[in-house]
Amino acid sequence: MVSADLTGPKADLSHRDRSAAGTHIDLSEFTCLPGLINTHVHFDGNPEDSVDYSIYARRTPAENLALVLANAKTTLLTGFTTVRHVGAWFPNAVYQARDQIRSGEAMGPLILTAGPYLTIPGGGGDLTFPEIPADQIPAESQLGIASTPQQFAERAEAAIEGGADFLKVIASGAVFSIGTDPGAPEMSQEDIAAVVRVAQQYDKQVTAHVHSDQSGRDAILAGVDSLEHASLLEDTTIALAHQRGVALSMDIYNGTYTDTIGRSQGYPEVFLQRNTQTTEAQRAVFKKAYAAGVTLLYGTDAAVLPHTMGGWQFATMIEHGMTPMEAIRSATSVAAAHLRLRG
């Protein structure tokens, strides 16, 4: 994506060197931006899977790869050329898709993937649901489960050796989960710090799934690079994020989708109630974080939002304080700088 810098004087497009080899455009007066970037994507599932999680135990490896590739292609065709794939129950399928896309065998965006979720047993990243008998839980979905700082360090090391581009920790419970409360701390500060130490040895970043203020503060103090969701952060933790240079990736549109479409798709009532509780809270945090100067990244949590709707969040970001150009930059230059992408 090549775009004029809209913050400066209007660029002069008249100086074009037309040669026999073709048309050359002098871009020295332009800002060259990457294509759209989504920093919160999941390709190995679809929103409607939340109606019956047993589907994750029934899909074969070939079906998982086909699903990942199909969602990747859809994401690219909606305009997102780079995604940060923040964990998967089936990381091997995502690795395969990433490599096929990079080699030109398949169509899709550049994928930076965290590989497996790093999570506690039964936590927000553990594929344990009432619909799935214990003996049918796929072993691949359990690669990041640990209970102590030492075990988390070992899982982090294994994830990087397996091909992870960065690491993802589940610091607190997910909204769409059974048996845990949204925001209930799961990984301790010491657990997260153990992962961060491993990541730093390999010059990798760490992002943390958080909802509560406690888990957000723990993750920041442990040294993560970004927080996802951050629905219930208090003012002091928002200030700490700014002080420590921790970015927030907040899916502030998704609550609208879940409340309207989720009902017709038959989402469990507990999910709908939790969605209502966290949506407006997260939007309030977004406004406060924006006012405080926290780096805000474009991220949609494309596990509960269809991949065809990746761009719908721009309007919501503008409604909650951003200018149109700031919203665009959150998905281009700002995201690229945070992810350390280079041309």
C-alpha atoms as a PDB file:
ATOM      1  CA  MET A   1       0.000   0.000   0.000  1.00  0.00           C
ATOM      2  CA  VAL A   2       1.512   3.330  -1.039  1.00  0.00           C
ATOM      3  CA  SER A   3      -0.087   6.429   0.374  1.00  0.00           C
ATOM      4  CA  ALA A   4       0.713  10.110   0.436  1.00  0.00           C
ATOM      5  CA  ASP A   5       1.521  11.549   3.845  1.00  0.00           C
ATOM      6  CA  LEU A   6      -1.756  13.303   4.584  1.00  0.00           C
ATOM      7  CA  THR A   7      -0.291  15.235   7.506  1.00  0.00           C
ATOM      8  CA  GLY A   8       2.056  17.351   5.402  1.00  0.00           C
ATOM      9  CA  PRO A   9       1.822  19.573   2.323  1.00  0.00           C
ATOM     10  CA  LYS A  10       0.050  18.123  -0.653  1.00  0.00           C
ATOM     11  CA  ALA A  11       2.532  16.084  -2.654  1.00  0.00           C
ATOM     12  CA  ASP A  12       3.384  17.108  -6.211  1.00  0.00           C
ATOM     13  CA  LEU A  13       2.761  14.186  -8.542  1.00  0.00           C
ATOM     14  CA  SER A  14       3.952  16.025 -11.631  1.00  0.00           C
ATOM     15  CA  HIS A  15       7.618  14.974 -11.444  1.00  0.00           C
ATOM     16  CA  ARG A  16       7.381  11.565 -13.103  1.00  0.00           C
ATOM     17  CA  ASP A  17      10.233  10.124 -15.074  1.00  0.00           C
ATOM     18  CA  ARG A  18       8.717   8.213 -17.982  1.00  0.00           C
ATOM     19  CA  SER A  19      11.377   6.031 -19.545  1.00  0.00           C
ATOM     20  CA  ALA A  20      11.435   3.254 -22.072  1.00  0.00           C
ATOM     21  CA  ALA A  21      11.563   0.782 -19.204  1.00  0.00           C
ATOM     22  CA  GLY A  22       8.271   2.032 -17.820  1.00  0.00           C
ATOM     23  CA  THR A  23       6.980   4.732 -15.480  1.00  0.00           C
ATOM     24  CA  HIS A  24       9.101   5.700 -12.499  1.00  0.00           C
ATOM     25  CA  ILE A  25       7.530   7.626  -9.623  1.00  0.00           C
ATOM     26  CA  ASP A  26       9.733   9.517  -7.202  1.00  0.00           C
ATOM     27  CA  LEU A  27       8.429   8.517  -3.773  1.00  0.00           C
ATOM     28  CA  SER A  28      10.874  10.617  -1.766  1.00  0.00           C
ATOM     29  CA  GLU A  29       8.102  13.018  -0.742  1.00  0.00           C
ATOM     30  CA  PHE A  30       5.696  10.229   0.167  1.00  0.00           C
ATOM     31  CA  THR A  31       5.058   8.064   3.187  1.00  0.00           C
ATOM     32  CA  CYS A  32       5.099   4.414   2.138  1.00  0.00           C
ATOM     33  CA  LEU A  33       2.836   2.429   4.428  1.00  0.00           C
ATOM     34  CA  PRO A  34       2.426  -1.330   4.712  1.00  0.00           C
ATOM     35  CA  GLY A  35      -0.911  -2.836   3.810  1.00  0.00           C
ATOM     36  CA  LEU A  36      -3.531  -3.195   6.515  1.00  0.00           C
ATOM     37  CA  ILE A  37      -2.361  -5.088   9.604  1.00  0.00           C
ATOM     38  CA  ASN A  38      -4.617  -6.942  12.057  1.00  0.00           C
ATOM     39  CA  THR A  39      -2.810  -7.751  15.303  1.00  0.00           C
ATOM     40  CA  HIS A  40      -5.436 -10.119  16.743  1.00  0.00           C
ATOM     41  CA  VAL A  41      -6.321 -12.972  14.414  1.00  0.00           C
ATOM     42  CA  HIS A  42      -7.199 -16.661  14.804  1.00  0.00           C
ATOM     43  CA  PHE A  43      -7.539 -18.762  11.643  1.00  0.00           C
ATOM     44  CA  ASP A  44      -8.172 -22.268  13.005  1.00  0.00           C
ATOM     45  CA  GLY A  45     -11.789 -21.606  13.933  1.00  0.00           C
ATOM     46  CA  ASN A  46     -14.900 -19.648  13.013  1.00  0.00           C
ATOM     47  CA  PRO A  47     -17.312 -17.670  15.237  1.00  0.00           C
ATOM     48  CA  GLU A  48     -20.100 -20.186  14.775  1.00  0.00           C
ATOM     49  CA  ASP A  49     -17.880 -22.868  16.328  1.00  0.00           C
ATOM     50  CA  SER A  50     -18.743 -21.307  19.698  1.00  0.00           C
ATOM     51  CA  VAL A  51     -22.139 -22.998  19.447  1.00  0.00           C
ATOM     52  CA  ASP A  52     -20.562 -26.458  19.741  1.00  0.00           C
ATOM     53  CA  TYR A  53     -16.881 -26.725  20.628  1.00  0.00           C
ATOM     54  CA  SER A  54     -16.869 -30.466  19.901  1.00  0.00           C
ATOM     55  CA  ILE A  55     -16.159 -29.561  16.284  1.00  0.00           C
ATOM     56  CA  TYR A  56     -12.545 -28.945  17.296  1.00  0.00           C
ATOM     57  CA  ALA A  57     -12.195 -32.606  18.274  1.00  0.00           C
ATOM     58  CA  ARG A  58     -13.769 -33.835  15.040  1.00  0.00           C
ATOM     59  CA  ARG A  59     -11.692 -31.935  12.473  1.00  0.00           C
ATOM     60  CA  THR A  60      -8.764 -33.788  10.945  1.00  0.00           C
ATOM     61  CA  PRO A  61      -5.330 -32.188  10.450  1.00  0.00           C
ATOM     62  CA  ALA A  62      -6.116 -31.830   6.740  1.00  0.00           C
ATOM     63  CA  GLU A  63      -9.407 -30.108   7.536  1.00  0.00           C
ATOM     64  CA  ASN A  64      -7.664 -27.772   9.982  1.00  0.00           C
ATOM     65  CA  LEU A  65      -5.123 -26.760   7.344  1.00  0.00           C
ATOM     66  CA  ALA A  66      -7.866 -26.209   4.760  1.00  0.00           C
ATOM     67  CA  LEU A  67      -9.781 -24.031   7.228  1.00  0.00           C
ATOM     68  CA  VAL A  68      -6.719 -21.955   8.069  1.00  0.00           C
ATOM     69  CA  LEU A  69      -5.892 -21.430   4.389  1.00  0.00           C
ATOM     70  CA  ALA A  70      -9.497 -20.495   3.553  1.00  0.00           C
ATOM     71  CA  ASN A  71      -9.645 -17.926   6.360  1.00  0.00           C
ATOM     72  CA  ALA A  72      -6.239 -16.581   5.400  1.00  0.00           C
ATOM     73  CA  LYS A  73      -7.344 -16.065   1.805  1.00  0.00           C
ATOM     74  CA  THR A  74     -10.532 -14.318   2.933  1.00  0.00           C
ATOM     75  CA  THR A  75      -8.526 -12.032   5.216  1.00  0.00           C
ATOM     76  CA  LEU A  76      -6.185 -11.037   2.395  1.00  0.00           C
ATOM     77  CA  LEU A  77      -9.090 -10.332   0.048  1.00  0.00           C
ATOM     78  CA  THR A  78     -10.610  -7.987   2.644  1.00  0.00           C
ATOM     79  CA  GLY A  79      -7.430  -5.898   2.481  1.00  0.00           C
ATOM     80  CA  PHE A  80      -5.245  -7.157   5.348  1.00  0.00           C
ATOM     81  CA  THR A  81      -1.796  -8.060   4.059  1.00  0.00           C
ATOM     82  CA  THR A  82      -0.220  -8.866   7.456  1.00  0.00           C
ATOM     83  CA  VAL A  83      -1.695 -10.524  10.532  1.00  0.00           C
ATOM     84  CA  ARG A  84      -0.440 -11.298  14.009  1.00  0.00           C
ATOM     85  CA  HIS A  85      -1.915 -14.735  14.647  1.00  0.00           C
ATOM     86  CA  VAL A  86      -2.219 -14.729  18.433  1.00  0.00           C
ATOM     87  CA  GLY A  87      -2.236 -18.406  19.249  1.00  0.00           C
ATOM     88  CA  ALA A  88      -4.044 -21.505  18.053  1.00  0.00           C
ATOM     89  CA  TRP A  89      -5.350 -24.802  19.327  1.00  0.00           C
ATOM     90  CA  PHE A  90      -3.828 -26.284  16.174  1.00  0.00           C
ATOM     91  CA  PRO A  91      -0.514 -24.440  15.775  1.00  0.00           C
ATOM     92  CA  ASN A  92       0.898 -26.932  13.275  1.00  0.00           C
ATOM     93  CA  ALA A  93      -1.837 -26.087  10.777  1.00  0.00           C
ATOM     94  CA  VAL A  94      -1.013 -22.401  11.141  1.00  0.00           C
ATOM     95  CA  TYR A  95       2.715 -23.064  10.688  1.00  0.00           C
ATOM     96  CA  GLN A  96       1.971 -25.020   7.510  1.00  0.00           C
ATOM     97  CA  ALA A  97      -0.299 -22.295   6.158  1.00  0.00           C
ATOM     98  CA  ARG A  98       2.242 -19.590   7.012  1.00  0.00           C
ATOM     99  CA  ASP A  99       4.973 -21.456   5.175  1.00  0.00           C
ATOM    100  CA  GLN A 100       2.810 -22.205   2.135  1.00  0.00           C
ATOM    101  CA  ILE A 101       1.847 -18.545   1.841  1.00  0.00           C
ATOM    102  CA  ARG A 102       5.449 -17.387   2.195  1.00  0.00           C
ATOM    103  CA  SER A 103       6.579 -19.838  -0.485  1.00  0.00           C
ATOM    104  CA  GLY A 104       3.827 -18.745  -2.875  1.00  0.00           C
ATOM    105  CA  GLU A 105       1.940 -22.045  -2.778  1.00  0.00           C
ATOM    106  CA  ALA A 106      -1.154 -20.455  -1.231  1.00  0.00           C
ATOM    107  CA  MET A 107      -2.842 -17.061  -1.133  1.00  0.00           C
ATOM    108  CA  GLY A 108      -2.926 -15.181   2.134  1.00  0.00           C
ATOM    109  CA  PRO A 109      -1.392 -12.418   4.215  1.00  0.00           C
ATOM    110  CA  LEU A 110       2.004 -12.493   5.854  1.00  0.00           C
ATOM    111  CA  ILE A 111       1.395 -14.473   9.050  1.00  0.00           C
ATOM    112  CA  LEU A 112       3.296 -13.897  12.272  1.00  0.00           C
ATOM    113  CA  THR A 113       2.124 -16.619  14.630  1.00  0.00           C
ATOM    114  CA  ALA A 114       2.489 -17.327  18.338  1.00  0.00           C
ATOM    115  CA  GLY A 115       2.004 -21.049  17.811  1.00  0.00           C
ATOM    116  CA  PRO A 116       0.263 -22.638  20.837  1.00  0.00           C
ATOM    117  CA  TYR A 117      -1.475 -20.761  23.624  1.00  0.00           C
ATOM    118  CA  LEU A 118       0.594 -20.662  26.812  1.00  0.00           C
ATOM    119  CA  THR A 119      -2.043 -21.300  29.462  1.00  0.00           C
ATOM    120  CA  ILE A 120      -2.818 -23.052  32.737  1.00  0.00           C
ATOM    121  CA  PRO A 121      -4.683 -26.394  32.821  1.00  0.00           C
ATOM    122  CA  GLY A 122      -8.358 -25.674  32.243  1.00  0.00           C
ATOM    123  CA  GLY A 123      -7.587 -22.019  31.520  1.00  0.00           C
ATOM    124  CA  GLY A 124      -8.690 -19.735  28.722  1.00  0.00           C
ATOM    125  CA  GLY A 125      -6.344 -21.360  26.213  1.00  0.00           C
ATOM    126  CA  ASP A 126      -7.032 -24.987  27.126  1.00  0.00           C
ATOM    127  CA  LEU A 127      -9.386 -26.836  24.774  1.00  0.00           C
ATOM    128  CA  THR A 128     -11.387 -28.388  27.613  1.00  0.00           C
ATOM    129  CA  PHE A 129     -15.118 -27.955  27.191  1.00  0.00           C
ATOM    130  CA  PRO A 130     -18.105 -30.055  28.332  1.00  0.00           C
ATOM    131  CA  GLU A 131     -18.787 -30.977  24.711  1.00  0.00           C
ATOM    132  CA  ILE A 132     -15.407 -32.705  24.349  1.00  0.00           C
ATOM    133  CA  PRO A 133     -14.702 -35.935  26.285  1.00  0.00           C
ATOM    134  CA  ALA A 134     -11.288 -35.822  27.950  1.00  0.00           C
ATOM    135  CA  ASP A 135      -9.977 -38.724  25.882  1.00  0.00           C
ATOM    136  CA  GLN A 136     -10.910 -36.926  22.649  1.00  0.00           C
ATOM    137  CA  ILE A 137      -9.092 -33.634  23.292  1.00  0.00           C
ATOM    138  CA  PRO A 138      -6.474 -33.312  20.527  1.00  0.00           C
ATOM    139  CA  ALA A 139      -2.933 -33.564  21.899  1.00  0.00           C
ATOM    140  CA  GLU A 140      -1.832 -30.707  19.628  1.00  0.00           C
ATOM    141  CA  SER A 141      -4.143 -28.330  21.503  1.00  0.00           C
ATOM    142  CA  GLN A 142      -2.300 -29.017  24.764  1.00  0.00           C
ATOM    143  CA  LEU A 143       1.215 -28.019  23.711  1.00  0.00           C
ATOM    144  CA  GLY A 144       1.298 -24.791  25.720  1.00  0.00           C
ATOM    145  CA  ILE A 145      -0.259 -25.931  28.991  1.00  0.00           C
ATOM    146  CA  ALA A 146       1.868 -25.482  32.129  1.00  0.00           C
ATOM    147  CA  SER A 147       1.487 -24.976  35.880  1.00  0.00           C
ATOM    148  CA  THR A 148       4.750 -23.449  37.136  1.00  0.00           C
ATOM    149  CA  PRO A 149       7.194 -20.767  35.955  1.00  0.00           C
ATOM    150  CA  GLN A 150       9.719 -23.480  35.044  1.00  0.00           C
ATOM    151  CA  GLN A 151       7.139 -25.358  32.998  1.00  0.00           C
ATOM    152  CA  PHE A 152       6.049 -22.162  31.252  1.00  0.00           C
ATOM    153  CA  ALA A 153       9.676 -21.431  30.372  1.00  0.00           C
ATOM    154  CA  GLU A 154       9.960 -24.924  28.895  1.00  0.00           C
ATOM    155  CA  ARG A 155       6.735 -24.504  26.902  1.00  0.00           C
ATOM    156  CA  ALA A 156       7.922 -21.117  25.654  1.00  0.00           C
ATOM    157  CA  GLU A 157      11.234 -22.587  24.547  1.00  0.00           C
ATOM    158  CA  ALA A 158       9.437 -25.417  22.755  1.00  0.00           C
ATOM    159  CA  ALA A 159       7.086 -22.981  21.007  1.00  0.00           C
ATOM    160  CA  ILE A 160       9.993 -20.963  19.640  1.00  0.00           C
ATOM    161  CA  GLU A 161      11.857 -24.081  18.569  1.00  0.00           C
ATOM    162  CA  GLY A 162       8.651 -25.222  16.855  1.00  0.00           C
ATOM    163  CA  GLY A 163       8.467 -22.073  14.751  1.00  0.00           C
ATOM    164  CA  ALA A 164       6.640 -19.380  16.762  1.00  0.00           C
ATOM    165  CA  ASP A 165       7.358 -15.819  15.613  1.00  0.00           C
ATOM    166  CA  PHE A 166       6.370 -14.434  19.045  1.00  0.00           C
ATOM    167  CA  LEU A 167       4.658 -15.785  22.176  1.00  0.00           C
ATOM    168  CA  LYS A 168       1.132 -15.529  23.571  1.00  0.00           C
ATOM    169  CA  VAL A 169       0.228 -15.935  27.257  1.00  0.00           C
ATOM    170  CA  ILE A 170      -3.306 -16.290  28.615  1.00  0.00           C
ATOM    171  CA  ALA A 171      -2.971 -14.126  31.708  1.00  0.00           C
ATOM    172  CA  SER A 172      -6.687 -14.167  32.540  1.00  0.00           C
ATOM    173  CA  GLY A 173      -9.862 -15.988  31.622  1.00  0.00           C
ATOM    174  CA  ALA A 174     -11.564 -15.596  28.271  1.00  0.00           C
ATOM    175  CA  VAL A 175     -15.062 -14.146  27.860  1.00  0.00           C
ATOM    176  CA  PHE A 176     -16.182 -17.163  25.819  1.00  0.00           C
ATOM    177  CA  SER A 177     -15.232 -19.909  28.244  1.00  0.00           C
ATOM    178  CA  ILE A 178     -16.924 -22.311  30.615  1.00  0.00           C
ATOM    179  CA  GLY A 179     -16.208 -22.501  34.335  1.00  0.00           C
ATOM    180  CA  THR A 180     -14.117 -19.315  34.647  1.00  0.00           C
ATOM    181  CA  ASP A 181     -14.981 -15.653  35.043  1.00  0.00           C
ATOM    182  CA  PRO A 182     -13.852 -13.102  32.446  1.00  0.00           C
ATOM    183  CA  GLY A 183     -10.756 -11.443  33.804  1.00  0.00           C
ATOM    184  CA  ALA A 184     -10.077 -13.946  36.571  1.00  0.00           C
ATOM    185  CA  PRO A 185      -6.253 -14.086  36.785  1.00  0.00           C
ATOM    186  CA  GLU A 186      -4.884 -17.413  35.583  1.00  0.00           C
ATOM    187  CA  MET A 187      -1.139 -17.097  34.990  1.00  0.00           C
ATOM    188  CA  SER A 188       0.818 -15.425  37.798  1.00  0.00           C
ATOM    189  CA  GLN A 189       3.238 -12.565  37.269  1.00  0.00           C
ATOM    190  CA  GLU A 190       6.063 -15.051  37.839  1.00  0.00           C
ATOM    191  CA  ASP A 191       4.635 -17.409  35.180  1.00  0.00           C
ATOM    192  CA  ILE A 192       4.475 -14.597  32.631  1.00  0.00           C
ATOM    193  CA  ALA A 193       7.923 -13.298  33.540  1.00  0.00           C
ATOM    194  CA  ALA A 194       9.374 -16.764  32.892  1.00  0.00           C
ATOM    195  CA  VAL A 195       7.923 -16.659  29.374  1.00  0.00           C
ATOM    196  CA  VAL A 196       9.211 -13.132  28.813  1.00  0.00           C
ATOM    197  CA  ARG A 197      12.748 -14.126  29.811  1.00  0.00           C
ATOM    198  CA  VAL A 198      12.760 -16.924  27.235  1.00  0.00           C
ATOM    199  CA  ALA A 199      11.332 -14.638  24.568  1.00  0.00           C
ATOM    200  CA  GLN A 200      13.985 -12.010  25.200  1.00  0.00           C
ATOM    201  CA  GLN A 201      16.725 -14.595  24.772  1.00  0.00           C
ATOM    202  CA  TYR A 202      15.465 -15.120  21.222  1.00  0.00           C
ATOM    203  CA  ASP A 203      14.548 -11.468  20.553  1.00  0.00           C
ATOM    204  CA  LYS A 204      10.852 -12.361  20.420  1.00  0.00           C
ATOM    205  CA  GLN A 205       7.861 -10.349  21.620  1.00  0.00           C
ATOM    206  CA  VAL A 206       5.173 -11.475  24.056  1.00  0.00           C
ATOM    207  CA  THR A 207       1.501 -10.528  23.969  1.00  0.00           C
ATOM    208  CA  ALA A 208      -0.902 -11.242  26.819  1.00  0.00           C
ATOM    209  CA  HIS A 209      -4.610 -12.029  26.760  1.00  0.00           C
ATOM    210  CA  VAL A 210      -6.044 -10.035  29.663  1.00  0.00           C
ATOM    211  CA  HIS A 211      -9.383  -8.689  30.793  1.00  0.00           C
ATOM    212  CA  SER A 212      -9.000  -7.764  34.455  1.00  0.00           C
ATOM    213  CA  ASP A 213      -6.936  -4.949  35.918  1.00  0.00           C
ATOM    214  CA  GLN A 214      -4.948  -7.387  38.051  1.00  0.00           C
ATOM    215  CA  SER A 215      -3.930  -9.622  35.155  1.00  0.00           C
ATOM    216  CA  GLY A 216      -3.143  -6.575  33.015  1.00  0.00           C
ATOM    217  CA  ARG A 217      -0.897  -5.078  35.674  1.00  0.00           C
ATOM    218  CA  ASP A 218       0.796  -8.435  36.282  1.00  0.00           C
ATOM    219  CA  ALA A 219       1.501  -8.834  32.571  1.00  0.00           C
ATOM    220  CA  ILE A 220       2.905  -5.321  32.236  1.00  0.00           C
ATOM    221  CA  LEU A 221       5.164  -5.732  35.266  1.00  0.00           C
ATOM    222  CA  ALA A 222       6.294  -9.114  33.909  1.00  0.00           C
ATOM    223  CA  GLY A 223       7.553  -7.370  30.780  1.00  0.00           C
ATOM    224  CA  VAL A 224       5.119  -8.181  27.959  1.00  0.00           C
ATOM    225  CA  ASP A 225       5.046  -6.038  24.835  1.00  0.00           C
ATOM    226  CA  SER A 226       1.280  -5.796  24.395  1.00  0.00           C
ATOM    227  CA  LEU A 227      -2.079  -6.588  25.968  1.00  0.00           C
ATOM    228  CA  GLU A 228      -5.129  -7.913  24.159  1.00  0.00           C
ATOM    229  CA  HIS A 229      -8.714  -6.933  25.116  1.00  0.00           C
ATOM    230  CA  ALA A 230      -7.735  -5.090  28.341  1.00  0.00           C
ATOM    231  CA  SER A 231     -11.433  -4.694  29.065  1.00  0.00           C
ATOM    232  CA  LEU A 232     -11.311  -3.821  32.756  1.00  0.00           C
ATOM    233  CA  LEU A 233      -8.051  -1.879  33.170  1.00  0.00           C
ATOM    234  CA  GLU A 234      -8.085   0.881  35.772  1.00  0.00           C
ATOM    235  CA  ASP A 235      -6.564   4.318  35.254  1.00  0.00           C
ATOM    236  CA  THR A 236      -3.349   3.473  37.112  1.00  0.00           C
ATOM    237  CA  THR A 237      -2.737   0.416  34.925  1.00  0.00           C
ATOM    238  CA  ILE A 238      -3.448   2.388  31.766  1.00  0.00           C
ATOM    239  CA  ALA A 239      -0.853   4.904  32.943  1.00  0.00           C
ATOM    240  CA  LEU A 240       1.569   2.051  33.647  1.00  0.00           C
ATOM    241  CA  ALA A 241       1.084   0.724  30.118  1.00  0.00           C
ATOM    242  CA  HIS A 242       1.981   4.135  28.745  1.00  0.00           C
ATOM    243  CA  GLN A 243       4.985   4.424  31.034  1.00  0.00           C
ATOM    244  CA  ARG A 244       6.311   0.976  30.077  1.00  0.00           C
ATOM    245  CA  GLY A 245       5.567   1.360  26.354  1.00  0.00           C
ATOM    246  CA  VAL A 246       3.096  -1.530  26.336  1.00  0.00           C
ATOM    247  CA  ALA A 247       0.653  -1.430  23.412  1.00  0.00           C
ATOM    248  CA  LEU A 248      -3.033  -2.367  23.590  1.00  0.00           C
ATOM    249  CA  SER A 249      -4.832  -4.398  20.934  1.00  0.00           C
ATOM    250  CA  MET A 250      -8.535  -3.929  21.693  1.00  0.00           C
ATOM    251  CA  ASP A 251     -11.393  -5.547  19.771  1.00  0.00           C
ATOM    252  CA  ILE A 252     -13.912  -2.823  20.482  1.00  0.00           C
ATOM    253  CA  TYR A 253     -16.297  -3.611  17.611  1.00  0.00           C
ATOM    254  CA  ASN A 254     -16.822  -7.309  18.313  1.00  0.00           C
ATOM    255  CA  GLY A 255     -19.295  -6.850  21.141  1.00  0.00           C
ATOM    256  CA  THR A 256     -21.791  -5.344  18.708  1.00  0.00           C
ATOM    257  CA  TYR A 257     -21.474  -8.298  16.362  1.00  0.00           C
ATOM    258  CA  THR A 258     -21.833 -10.859  19.148  1.00  0.00           C
ATOM    259  CA  ASP A 259     -24.890  -9.182  20.637  1.00  0.00           C
ATOM    260  CA  THR A 260     -26.744  -9.029  17.330  1.00  0.00           C
ATOM    261  CA  ILE A 261     -25.609 -11.926  15.179  1.00  0.00           C
ATOM    262  CA  GLY A 262     -24.537 -14.175  18.048  1.00  0.00           C
ATOM    263  CA  ARG A 263     -28.087 -14.467  19.290  1.00  0.00           C
ATOM    264  CA  SER A 264     -29.404 -15.652  15.937  1.00  0.00           C
ATOM    265  CA  GLN A 265     -26.529 -18.141  15.664  1.00  0.00           C
ATOM    266  CA  GLY A 266     -27.413 -19.640  19.020  1.00  0.00           C
ATOM    267  CA  TYR A 267     -24.438 -18.609  21.142  1.00  0.00           C
ATOM    268  CA  PRO A 268     -24.772 -19.864  24.733  1.00  0.00           C
ATOM    269  CA  GLU A 269     -26.566 -17.355  26.950  1.00  0.00           C
ATOM    270  CA  VAL A 270     -23.592 -17.158  29.310  1.00  0.00           C
ATOM    271  CA  PHE A 271     -21.444 -15.929  26.426  1.00  0.00           C
ATOM    272  CA  LEU A 272     -23.982 -13.259  25.511  1.00  0.00           C
ATOM    273  CA  GLN A 273     -24.187 -12.031  29.114  1.00  0.00           C
ATOM    274  CA  ARG A 274     -20.419 -11.835  29.440  1.00  0.00           C
ATOM    275  CA  ASN A 275     -20.190 -10.038  26.142  1.00  0.00           C
ATOM    276  CA  THR A 276     -22.566  -7.354  27.406  1.00  0.00           C
ATOM    277  CA  GLN A 277     -20.577  -6.967  30.628  1.00  0.00           C
ATOM    278  CA  THR A 278     -17.240  -6.439  28.907  1.00  0.00           C
ATOM    279  CA  THR A 279     -18.081  -4.567  25.696  1.00  0.00           C
ATOM    280  CA  GLU A 280     -18.836  -1.110  27.073  1.00  0.00           C
ATOM    281  CA  ALA A 281     -16.151  -1.486  29.737  1.00  0.00           C
ATOM    282  CA  GLN A 282     -13.549  -2.148  27.054  1.00  0.00           C
ATOM    283  CA  ARG A 283     -14.704   0.828  24.999  1.00  0.00           C
ATOM    284  CA  ALA A 284     -14.335   3.071  28.027  1.00  0.00           C
ATOM    285  CA  VAL A 285     -10.786   1.763  28.531  1.00  0.00           C
ATOM    286  CA  PHE A 286     -10.054   2.402  24.856  1.00  0.00           C
ATOM    287  CA  LYS A 287     -11.056   6.062  25.202  1.00  0.00           C
ATOM    288  CA  LYS A 288      -8.954   6.481  28.335  1.00  0.00           C
ATOM    289  CA  ALA A 289      -5.948   4.742  26.794  1.00  0.00           C
ATOM    290  CA  TYR A 290      -6.205   6.914  23.689  1.00  0.00           C
ATOM    291  CA  ALA A 291      -6.336  10.070  25.823  1.00  0.00           C
ATOM    292  CA  ALA A 292      -3.332   8.846  27.849  1.00  0.00           C
ATOM    293  CA  GLY A 293      -1.214   8.349  24.732  1.00  0.00           C
ATOM    294  CA  VAL A 294      -1.004   4.552  24.938  1.00  0.00           C
ATOM    295  CA  THR A 295      -0.065   2.868  21.650  1.00  0.00           C
ATOM    296  CA  LEU A 296      -3.263   1.358  20.235  1.00  0.00           C
ATOM    297  CA  LEU A 297      -3.016  -1.426  17.659  1.00  0.00           C
ATOM    298  CA  TYR A 298      -5.719  -2.516  15.251  1.00  0.00           C
ATOM    299  CA  GLY A 299      -6.881  -5.930  16.445  1.00  0.00           C
ATOM    300  CA  THR A 300     -10.249  -7.602  16.029  1.00  0.00           C
ATOM    301  CA  ASP A 301     -10.056 -11.009  17.748  1.00  0.00           C
ATOM    302  CA  ALA A 302     -10.944 -12.807  14.557  1.00  0.00           C
ATOM    303  CA  ALA A 303     -12.148 -15.869  16.404  1.00  0.00           C
ATOM    304  CA  VAL A 304     -15.463 -14.308  17.371  1.00  0.00           C
ATOM    305  CA  LEU A 305     -15.669 -11.973  14.353  1.00  0.00           C
ATOM    306  CA  PRO A 306     -16.010 -13.354  10.796  1.00  0.00           C
ATOM    307  CA  HIS A 307     -12.896 -12.905   8.705  1.00  0.00           C
ATOM    308  CA  THR A 308     -14.946 -11.083   6.082  1.00  0.00           C
ATOM    309  CA  MET A 309     -15.589  -8.293   8.628  1.00  0.00           C
ATOM    310  CA  GLY A 310     -11.996  -7.447   9.530  1.00  0.00           C
ATOM    311  CA  GLY A 311     -12.389  -3.811   8.554  1.00  0.00           C
ATOM    312  CA  TRP A 312     -15.605  -3.082  10.433  1.00  0.00           C
ATOM    313  CA  GLN A 313     -13.804  -1.893  13.542  1.00  0.00           C
ATOM    314  CA  PHE A 314     -12.420   1.312  12.001  1.00  0.00           C
ATOM    315  CA  ALA A 315     -15.745   3.123  12.472  1.00  0.00           C
ATOM    316  CA  THR A 316     -15.983   2.083  16.119  1.00  0.00           C
ATOM    317  CA  MET A 317     -12.469   3.350  16.827  1.00  0.00           C
ATOM    318  CA  ILE A 318     -13.401   6.724  15.350  1.00  0.00           C
ATOM    319  CA  GLU A 319     -16.630   6.798  17.349  1.00  0.00           C
ATOM    320  CA  HIS A 320     -14.545   6.383  20.503  1.00  0.00           C
ATOM    321  CA  GLY A 321     -12.045   9.143  19.984  1.00  0.00           C
ATOM    322  CA  MET A 322      -9.632   8.463  17.129  1.00  0.00           C
ATOM    323  CA  THR A 323      -9.386  10.547  14.005  1.00  0.00           C
ATOM    324  CA  PRO A 324      -9.778   8.623  10.725  1.00  0.00           C
ATOM    325  CA  MET A 325      -6.044   8.879  10.026  1.00  0.00           C
ATOM    326  CA  GLU A 326      -5.168   7.660  13.524  1.00  0.00           C
ATOM    327  CA  ALA A 327      -7.411   4.645  13.020  1.00  0.00           C
ATOM    328  CA  ILE A 328      -5.714   3.890   9.697  1.00  0.00           C
ATOM    329  CA  ARG A 329      -2.281   4.260  11.248  1.00  0.00           C
ATOM    330  CA  SER A 330      -3.226   1.843  14.034  1.00  0.00           C
ATOM    331  CA  ALA A 331      -3.555  -0.764  11.272  1.00  0.00           C
ATOM    332  CA  THR A 332      -0.571   0.367   9.201  1.00  0.00           C
ATOM    333  CA  SER A 333       2.458   2.340  10.343  1.00  0.00           C
ATOM    334  CA  VAL A 334       1.836   2.128  14.098  1.00  0.00           C
ATOM    335  CA  ALA A 335       1.238  -1.639  13.954  1.00  0.00           C
ATOM    336  CA  ALA A 336       4.228  -2.119  11.649  1.00  0.00           C
ATOM    337  CA  ALA A 337       6.512  -0.256  14.028  1.00  0.00           C
ATOM    338  CA  HIS A 338       5.291  -2.256  17.031  1.00  0.00           C
ATOM    339  CA  LEU A 339       5.701  -5.577  15.218  1.00  0.00           C
ATOM    340  CA  ARG A 340       9.147  -4.437  14.052  1.00  0.00           C
ATOM    341  CA  LEU A 341       8.293  -5.018  10.417  1.00  0.00           C
ATOM    342  CA  ARG A 342      10.837  -3.763   7.949  1.00  0.00           C
ATOM    343  CA  GLY A 343      10.475  -3.115   4.240  1.00  0.00           C
END
